[in-house]
């Protein structure tokens, strides 16, 4: 379950029409940073002058660069004095690769700060510093929308592992391949293009070794014309037994970095890959393999992970409660009982123990239907 669903809603506060309009503008600005700012969140900011008119705006454009508030303050110049900063995330108060935004807001003479979502890494420190300096600070304006835009980053910040999106593309009866093993293409071109768009918005795309052996995927993000995009996610193979062939495309091309995650168990052989094409990451064996692997990926800067297959990996992630979001493409066809299931190894003895999901959104894409779901927390007895 994504973290913003578990946080209690902020108490009702008064916001002016100008502040509401500015927050909508800030949210639109923040979305310009999707896929560009990791491991940082996406943030937008609007500065209103004393009369409530927009004086400047900005967004966080790339990791290591100026934060949204800094861009907005620069654009506003002296008009920021006595005004209001409207920000989609609580302003930072700590020195990182850039200076703290709280200090910049104070130096600019801002008197009011309105933000949508608290930064869980700050524990309220940013808002508290501004209040201690005498500023009027209010939180929670359009919080749900702001949290949705940063749902991956918020999960990673709270749980110290990447936000995991599991993508499934199945027939109506939940099959991902026919009896003869063929699986291309279950869904139509519009759904496949949508998957490539998903890849542009995550830090990494992952599959299991069985998918590599069966499909030899590229896992690159491509535009509608089939051209490889400039920015590519890291490609990850979860491969406990080091079965990844040295001749597969993930191991021989240089379109994007490829990491093979395996266990500490001594391998019988290491994949002979092209120089620089693959990096081997070892982690603990046994039932703790996936949690340990995700912790290590987080340490290496991965905040959002899109898992595209296969059935055994999907089942293991679901069994370990490591799936934060499920994107399911359903094609209007049937493959029957002999087709390969989308999920394997998930032990569900009774309906009462079946994992539940809530529908976040659903829409038609070409001839297929895309449903976005999040895990439903079990009710306490």
Protein backbone atom coordinates (compact mmCIF):
# COMPACT_ATOMS: atom_id res chain seq x y z
CA UNK A 1 0.00 0.00 0.00
CA UNK A 2 1.39 3.39 -0.90
CA UNK A 3 2.43 5.52 2.07
CA UNK A 4 0.22 8.52 1.48
CA UNK A 5 -2.81 6.26 2.02
CA UNK A 6 -1.62 5.40 5.53
CA UNK A 7 -0.91 8.95 6.72
CA UNK A 8 -3.79 10.64 8.56
CA UNK A 9 -5.30 13.56 6.65
CA UNK A 10 -4.24 17.01 7.85
CA UNK A 11 -6.78 19.02 9.83
CA UNK A 12 -9.00 21.31 7.73
CA UNK A 13 -7.39 24.67 7.04
CA UNK A 14 -8.46 27.78 5.18
CA UNK A 15 -6.97 28.43 1.75
CA UNK A 16 -7.76 31.35 -0.51
CA UNK A 17 -8.93 30.93 -4.13
CA UNK A 18 -5.57 32.37 -5.23
CA UNK A 19 -3.69 29.77 -3.19
CA UNK A 20 -5.80 26.95 -4.63
CA UNK A 21 -5.18 28.14 -8.17
CA UNK A 22 -1.47 28.46 -7.43
CA UNK A 23 -1.31 24.90 -6.07
CA UNK A 24 -2.99 23.55 -9.20
CA UNK A 25 -0.37 25.41 -11.21
CA UNK A 26 2.43 24.06 -8.99
CA UNK A 27 1.19 20.49 -9.43
CA UNK A 28 1.21 20.86 -13.21
CA UNK A 29 4.75 22.24 -13.01
CA UNK A 30 5.90 19.37 -10.78
CA UNK A 31 4.78 16.79 -13.34
CA UNK A 32 7.30 18.21 -15.81
CA UNK A 33 9.98 16.60 -13.68
CA UNK A 34 8.55 13.05 -13.84
CA UNK A 35 11.30 10.64 -14.82
CA UNK A 36 14.01 13.29 -14.44
CA UNK A 37 14.55 14.01 -10.74
CA UNK A 38 15.20 10.65 -9.07
CA UNK A 39 16.36 9.96 -6.42
CA UNK A 40 14.65 13.25 -5.52
CA UNK A 41 10.88 13.87 -5.61
CA UNK A 42 9.06 15.93 -8.22
CA UNK A 43 8.18 19.36 -6.84
CA UNK A 44 6.53 22.49 -8.21
CA UNK A 45 6.35 25.95 -6.64
CA UNK A 46 4.53 29.22 -7.27
CA UNK A 47 5.28 32.54 -5.57
CA UNK A 48 2.38 34.93 -5.01
CA UNK A 49 3.06 38.60 -4.27
CA UNK A 50 1.41 40.54 -1.45
CA UNK A 51 -1.73 40.99 -3.55
CA UNK A 52 -2.08 37.28 -4.36
CA UNK A 53 -0.86 37.60 -7.94
CA UNK A 54 1.66 35.15 -9.38
CA UNK A 55 5.16 36.62 -9.22
CA UNK A 56 7.20 33.57 -10.24
CA UNK A 57 7.11 29.82 -10.64
CA UNK A 58 9.47 26.88 -11.00
CA UNK A 59 9.91 23.15 -10.67
CA UNK A 60 12.66 20.73 -9.72
CA UNK A 61 14.15 19.89 -13.10
CA UNK A 62 16.87 17.35 -12.32
CA UNK A 63 18.65 15.71 -9.39
CA UNK A 64 21.51 17.89 -8.16
CA UNK A 65 19.95 21.02 -9.62
CA UNK A 66 18.11 23.87 -7.94
CA UNK A 67 14.91 22.97 -6.11
CA UNK A 68 11.51 24.22 -7.21
CA UNK A 69 11.40 27.00 -4.60
CA UNK A 70 14.75 28.40 -5.76
CA UNK A 71 13.61 28.59 -9.39
CA UNK A 72 10.37 30.27 -8.33
CA UNK A 73 12.11 32.79 -6.04
CA UNK A 74 14.58 33.72 -8.77
CA UNK A 75 11.70 34.33 -11.16
CA UNK A 76 9.80 36.40 -8.58
CA UNK A 77 12.75 38.58 -7.56
CA UNK A 78 11.84 41.42 -5.16
CA UNK A 79 8.11 40.74 -5.62
CA UNK A 80 8.49 37.71 -3.33
CA UNK A 81 8.91 39.96 -0.24
CA UNK A 82 5.82 39.71 1.93
CA UNK A 83 4.29 37.13 -0.38
CA UNK A 84 3.26 33.48 -0.30
CA UNK A 85 5.15 30.38 -1.43
CA UNK A 86 2.85 27.62 -2.65
CA UNK A 87 4.76 24.33 -2.88
CA UNK A 88 3.70 20.75 -3.60
CA UNK A 89 6.07 19.32 -0.94
CA UNK A 90 7.22 20.58 2.46
CA UNK A 91 10.29 22.83 1.92
CA UNK A 92 13.56 21.17 2.80
CA UNK A 93 15.56 22.38 5.80
CA UNK A 94 18.84 20.48 5.38
CA UNK A 95 21.99 21.06 3.41
CA UNK A 96 22.42 18.61 0.54
CA UNK A 97 23.81 19.14 -2.91
CA UNK A 98 21.88 22.41 -2.75
CA UNK A 99 21.15 24.70 0.19
CA UNK A 100 18.01 24.40 2.34
CA UNK A 101 14.91 25.95 0.78
CA UNK A 102 13.68 27.17 4.17
CA UNK A 103 16.65 29.53 4.37
CA UNK A 104 16.05 30.81 0.83
CA UNK A 105 12.38 31.50 1.61
CA UNK A 106 13.31 33.45 4.74
CA UNK A 107 15.99 35.46 2.94
CA UNK A 108 13.49 36.37 0.21
CA UNK A 109 11.06 37.80 2.78
CA UNK A 110 8.28 35.25 2.25
CA UNK A 111 5.60 35.59 4.96
CA UNK A 112 3.25 32.69 4.14
CA UNK A 113 3.98 29.11 3.05
CA UNK A 114 1.36 26.68 1.79
CA UNK A 115 2.42 23.13 0.94
CA UNK A 116 0.52 20.01 -0.07
CA UNK A 117 2.37 17.00 1.37
CA UNK A 118 4.80 16.56 4.26
CA UNK A 119 8.30 15.29 3.48
CA UNK A 120 8.68 12.07 5.54
CA UNK A 121 12.48 12.45 5.57
CA UNK A 122 12.18 15.74 7.48
CA UNK A 123 9.81 14.65 10.28
CA UNK A 124 8.21 18.10 10.17
CA UNK A 125 11.49 19.94 10.55
CA UNK A 126 11.03 22.15 7.47
CA UNK A 127 7.62 23.47 8.51
CA UNK A 128 8.73 23.89 12.12
CA UNK A 129 11.74 26.04 11.19
CA UNK A 130 9.53 28.33 9.15
CA UNK A 131 7.01 28.64 11.96
CA UNK A 132 9.77 29.37 14.47
CA UNK A 133 10.83 32.25 12.21
CA UNK A 134 7.32 33.69 12.44
CA UNK A 135 5.91 32.55 9.10
CA UNK A 136 2.32 31.44 8.60
CA UNK A 137 2.62 27.80 7.47
CA UNK A 138 -0.34 25.71 6.32
CA UNK A 139 -0.36 22.16 4.91
CA UNK A 140 -2.68 19.78 3.09
CA UNK A 141 -3.87 21.79 0.09
CA UNK A 142 -4.62 19.28 -2.73
CA UNK A 143 -2.59 16.74 -0.76
CA UNK A 144 -4.08 13.68 -2.45
CA UNK A 145 -3.11 14.86 -5.92
CA UNK A 146 0.38 15.84 -4.81
CA UNK A 147 0.92 12.50 -3.06
CA UNK A 148 -0.16 10.62 -6.19
CA UNK A 149 2.47 12.40 -8.29
CA UNK A 150 5.13 11.44 -5.73
CA UNK A 151 3.70 8.05 -4.71
CA UNK A 152 6.90 6.19 -5.70
CA UNK A 153 9.25 8.58 -3.92
CA UNK A 154 7.09 8.62 -0.78
CA UNK A 155 7.12 4.82 -0.59
CA UNK A 156 10.90 4.72 -0.97
CA UNK A 157 11.37 7.44 1.65
CA UNK A 158 9.25 5.60 4.22
CA UNK A 159 10.31 2.00 3.59
CA UNK A 160 13.90 2.40 2.33
CA UNK A 161 13.24 0.27 -0.72
CA UNK A 162 11.99 1.08 -4.21
CA UNK A 163 8.32 1.54 -4.90
CA UNK A 164 7.38 -1.61 -6.85
CA UNK A 165 4.89 -1.51 -9.71
CA UNK A 166 3.98 -4.95 -11.03
CA UNK A 167 2.85 -4.89 -14.65
CA UNK A 168 0.75 -7.77 -15.97
CA UNK A 169 -0.47 -8.22 -19.54
CA UNK A 170 -2.93 -11.10 -19.69
CA UNK A 171 -5.92 -12.57 -21.45
CA UNK A 172 -9.35 -12.43 -19.87
CA UNK A 173 -8.62 -15.73 -18.14
CA UNK A 174 -5.34 -14.49 -16.67
CA UNK A 175 -2.92 -16.19 -19.10
CA UNK A 176 0.36 -14.73 -20.32
CA UNK A 177 1.35 -17.39 -22.87
CA UNK A 178 -0.27 -20.12 -24.94
CA UNK A 179 0.32 -23.86 -24.50
CA UNK A 180 3.15 -23.76 -27.07
CA UNK A 181 4.90 -20.97 -25.11
CA UNK A 182 4.08 -18.12 -27.49
CA UNK A 183 3.34 -14.84 -25.74
CA UNK A 184 3.77 -12.13 -28.36
CA UNK A 185 1.59 -10.26 -28.58
CA UNK A 186 -1.24 -10.71 -26.09
CA UNK A 187 -2.05 -7.00 -25.94
CA UNK A 188 -2.31 -4.59 -28.84
CA UNK A 189 0.06 -1.80 -29.96
CA UNK A 190 -1.61 0.98 -27.88
CA UNK A 191 -1.11 -1.02 -24.65
CA UNK A 192 2.50 -1.75 -25.58
CA UNK A 193 3.13 1.94 -26.24
CA UNK A 194 1.65 2.70 -22.82
CA UNK A 195 4.14 0.27 -21.26
CA UNK A 196 7.00 2.14 -22.88
CA UNK A 197 5.64 5.34 -21.33
CA UNK A 198 5.66 3.63 -17.92
CA UNK A 199 9.32 2.76 -18.46
CA UNK A 200 10.22 6.41 -18.98
CA UNK A 201 8.90 7.28 -15.51
CA UNK A 202 10.77 4.73 -13.39
CA UNK A 203 14.38 4.28 -12.33
CA UNK A 204 14.55 0.60 -13.26
CA UNK A 205 12.71 -2.16 -15.13
CA UNK A 206 13.01 -5.73 -13.87
CA UNK A 207 12.28 -9.29 -14.98
CA UNK A 208 13.13 -12.75 -13.72
CA UNK A 209 15.66 -15.01 -15.38
CA UNK A 210 12.91 -17.22 -16.85
CA UNK A 211 11.61 -14.24 -18.83
CA UNK A 212 15.11 -13.59 -20.18
CA UNK A 213 15.42 -17.21 -21.26
CA UNK A 214 11.96 -17.30 -22.86
CA UNK A 215 11.71 -13.87 -24.50
CA UNK A 216 15.22 -12.33 -24.67
CA UNK A 217 13.72 -8.87 -23.97
CA UNK A 218 15.42 -5.51 -24.52
CA UNK A 219 13.57 -3.67 -21.70
CA UNK A 220 14.35 -0.30 -23.24
CA UNK A 221 11.99 2.66 -23.37
CA UNK A 222 11.08 3.41 -26.98
CA UNK A 223 8.98 6.14 -28.58
CA UNK A 224 5.88 5.42 -30.72
CA UNK A 225 8.10 5.13 -33.82
CA UNK A 226 10.18 2.42 -32.13
CA UNK A 227 13.23 4.61 -31.57
CA UNK A 228 15.17 4.20 -28.33
CA UNK A 229 14.63 7.19 -26.05
CA UNK A 230 17.55 9.19 -24.72
CA UNK A 231 16.83 8.48 -21.06
CA UNK A 232 16.72 4.79 -20.19
CA UNK A 233 15.89 3.01 -16.93
CA UNK A 234 18.35 0.56 -15.44
CA UNK A 235 17.55 -3.00 -16.55
CA UNK A 236 17.49 -5.55 -13.73
CA UNK A 237 17.35 -9.35 -13.81
CA UNK A 238 16.47 -11.21 -10.61
CA UNK A 239 18.52 -14.35 -11.17
CA UNK A 240 19.30 -16.43 -8.09
CA UNK A 241 20.99 -19.22 -10.06
CA UNK A 242 22.82 -17.07 -12.63
CA UNK A 243 21.02 -18.49 -15.64
CA UNK A 244 21.21 -15.30 -17.70
CA UNK A 245 22.78 -16.29 -21.05
CA UNK A 246 25.93 -14.37 -21.97
CA UNK A 247 24.52 -13.94 -25.49
CA UNK A 248 21.18 -12.36 -24.49
CA UNK A 249 20.44 -8.80 -25.52
CA UNK A 250 20.50 -7.50 -21.95
CA UNK A 251 24.07 -8.78 -21.62
CA UNK A 252 25.42 -7.74 -25.01
CA UNK A 253 23.96 -4.35 -25.87
CA UNK A 254 24.82 -1.02 -24.25
CA UNK A 255 21.43 0.66 -24.68
CA UNK A 256 21.09 0.89 -20.88
CA UNK A 257 22.88 -0.41 -17.78
CA UNK A 258 22.03 -3.99 -16.83
CA UNK A 259 22.28 -5.33 -13.28
CA UNK A 260 21.97 -9.02 -12.48
CA UNK A 261 20.84 -9.58 -8.89
CA UNK A 262 21.85 -12.97 -7.52
CA UNK A 263 22.63 -14.62 -4.16
CA UNK A 264 25.74 -15.11 -2.08
CA UNK A 265 25.68 -18.79 -3.02
CA UNK A 266 28.88 -19.58 -4.97
CA UNK A 267 27.92 -19.58 -8.66
CA UNK A 268 28.89 -22.49 -10.87
CA UNK A 269 29.60 -19.99 -13.59
CA UNK A 270 29.45 -16.24 -14.03
CA UNK A 271 27.82 -14.80 -17.14
CA UNK A 272 30.40 -13.84 -19.75
CA UNK A 273 29.06 -10.46 -20.72
CA UNK A 274 30.31 -7.71 -22.96
CA UNK A 275 32.64 -5.33 -21.10
CA UNK A 276 30.62 -2.88 -19.05
CA UNK A 277 27.28 -4.32 -20.19
CA UNK A 278 26.33 -6.10 -16.95
CA UNK A 279 26.99 -5.59 -13.28
CA UNK A 280 26.62 -8.46 -10.84
CA UNK A 281 24.94 -7.66 -7.50
CA UNK A 282 24.99 -10.32 -4.82
CA UNK A 283 22.62 -10.43 -1.88
CA UNK A 284 21.44 -12.95 0.68
CA UNK A 285 19.93 -16.30 -0.30
CA UNK A 286 16.77 -17.93 1.00
CA UNK A 287 13.41 -16.32 1.75
CA UNK A 288 15.03 -12.94 2.39
CA UNK A 289 16.35 -12.66 -1.17
CA UNK A 290 13.80 -10.19 -2.55
CA UNK A 291 13.61 -7.86 0.50
CA UNK A 292 17.43 -7.79 0.66
CA UNK A 293 17.66 -7.19 -3.09
CA UNK A 294 15.24 -4.25 -2.93
CA UNK A 295 17.15 -2.74 0.00
CA UNK A 296 20.36 -2.95 -2.02
CA UNK A 297 18.69 -1.39 -5.07
CA UNK A 298 17.50 1.50 -2.86
CA UNK A 299 21.05 1.96 -1.61
CA UNK A 300 22.15 2.28 -5.23
CA UNK A 301 19.64 5.05 -5.91
CA UNK A 302 16.67 3.11 -7.30
CA UNK A 303 13.47 4.66 -5.98
CA UNK A 304 10.93 3.24 -8.47
CA UNK A 305 10.92 -0.23 -10.00
CA UNK A 306 8.66 -1.57 -12.76
CA UNK A 307 8.50 -5.37 -12.74
CA UNK A 308 7.39 -6.83 -16.07
CA UNK A 309 7.73 -10.59 -15.51
CA UNK A 310 7.57 -13.40 -15.09
CA UNK A 311 4.99 -15.40 -13.19
CA UNK A 312 7.33 -16.76 -10.50
CA UNK A 313 8.80 -13.34 -9.71
CA UNK A 314 5.29 -11.82 -9.62
CA UNK A 315 4.11 -14.48 -7.19
CA UNK A 316 7.13 -14.05 -4.94
CA UNK A 317 6.72 -10.27 -4.75
CA UNK A 318 3.01 -10.61 -3.97
CA UNK A 319 3.67 -13.27 -1.35
CA UNK A 320 6.23 -11.01 0.36
CA UNK A 321 3.81 -8.02 0.24
CA UNK A 322 6.32 -6.05 -1.83
CA UNK A 323 3.96 -4.86 -4.58
CA UNK A 324 2.83 -1.26 -4.10
CA UNK A 325 0.90 -0.89 -7.35
CA UNK A 326 -0.43 -3.29 -9.97
CA UNK A 327 -0.92 -2.19 -13.58
CA UNK A 328 -2.93 -4.85 -15.37
CA UNK A 329 -3.54 -4.84 -19.12
CA UNK A 330 -6.37 -7.22 -19.99
CA UNK A 331 -6.76 -8.33 -23.62
CA UNK A 332 -10.15 -9.48 -24.97
CA UNK A 333 -9.13 -13.06 -25.74
CA UNK A 334 -8.89 -16.45 -24.06
CA UNK A 335 -6.09 -19.04 -23.93
CA UNK A 336 -7.72 -21.72 -21.78
CA UNK A 337 -6.51 -23.87 -18.93
CA UNK A 338 -3.33 -24.96 -20.72
CA UNK A 339 -2.08 -21.38 -21.04
CA UNK A 340 0.64 -20.09 -18.70
CA UNK A 341 -0.73 -18.25 -15.63
CA UNK A 342 0.32 -14.70 -14.81
CA UNK A 343 1.26 -15.58 -11.21
CA UNK A 344 2.90 -18.72 -9.84
CA UNK A 345 3.80 -19.82 -6.32
CA UNK A 346 1.28 -17.70 -4.45
CA UNK A 347 -0.23 -19.97 -1.78
CA UNK A 348 -3.84 -18.93 -1.12
CA UNK A 349 -5.71 -21.75 0.64
CA UNK A 350 -9.01 -19.89 1.15
CA UNK A 351 -10.82 -16.89 -0.27
CA UNK A 352 -10.52 -15.16 3.11
CA UNK A 353 -6.72 -15.19 2.73
CA UNK A 354 -6.68 -13.94 -0.84
CA UNK A 355 -4.78 -10.64 -1.29
CA UNK A 356 -7.23 -7.83 -1.93
CA UNK A 357 -6.83 -4.75 -4.12
CA UNK A 358 -8.59 -1.44 -4.56
CA UNK A 359 -9.08 -0.02 -8.03
CA UNK A 360 -7.27 3.29 -8.44
CA UNK A 361 -8.22 3.79 -12.09
CA UNK A 362 -9.39 2.00 -15.20
CA UNK A 363 -9.55 2.94 -18.87
CA UNK A 364 -9.65 1.44 -22.30
CA UNK A 365 -6.44 1.46 -24.35
CA UNK A 366 -7.14 0.39 -27.90
CA UNK A 367 -8.90 -2.97 -27.66
CA UNK A 368 -7.46 -3.66 -24.22
CA UNK A 369 -8.35 -2.42 -20.73
CA UNK A 370 -5.80 -1.05 -18.27
CA UNK A 371 -6.67 -1.30 -14.58
CA UNK A 372 -4.46 0.28 -11.90
CA UNK A 373 -4.77 -1.25 -8.42
CA UNK A 374 -3.20 -0.90 -5.01
CA UNK A 375 -3.07 -3.54 -2.25
CA UNK A 376 -5.96 -3.37 0.17
CA UNK A 377 -4.78 -3.60 3.78
CA UNK A 378 -6.25 -6.43 5.77
CA UNK A 379 -8.71 -5.38 8.45
CA UNK A 380 -7.59 -5.92 12.01
CA UNK A 381 -9.42 -8.76 13.78
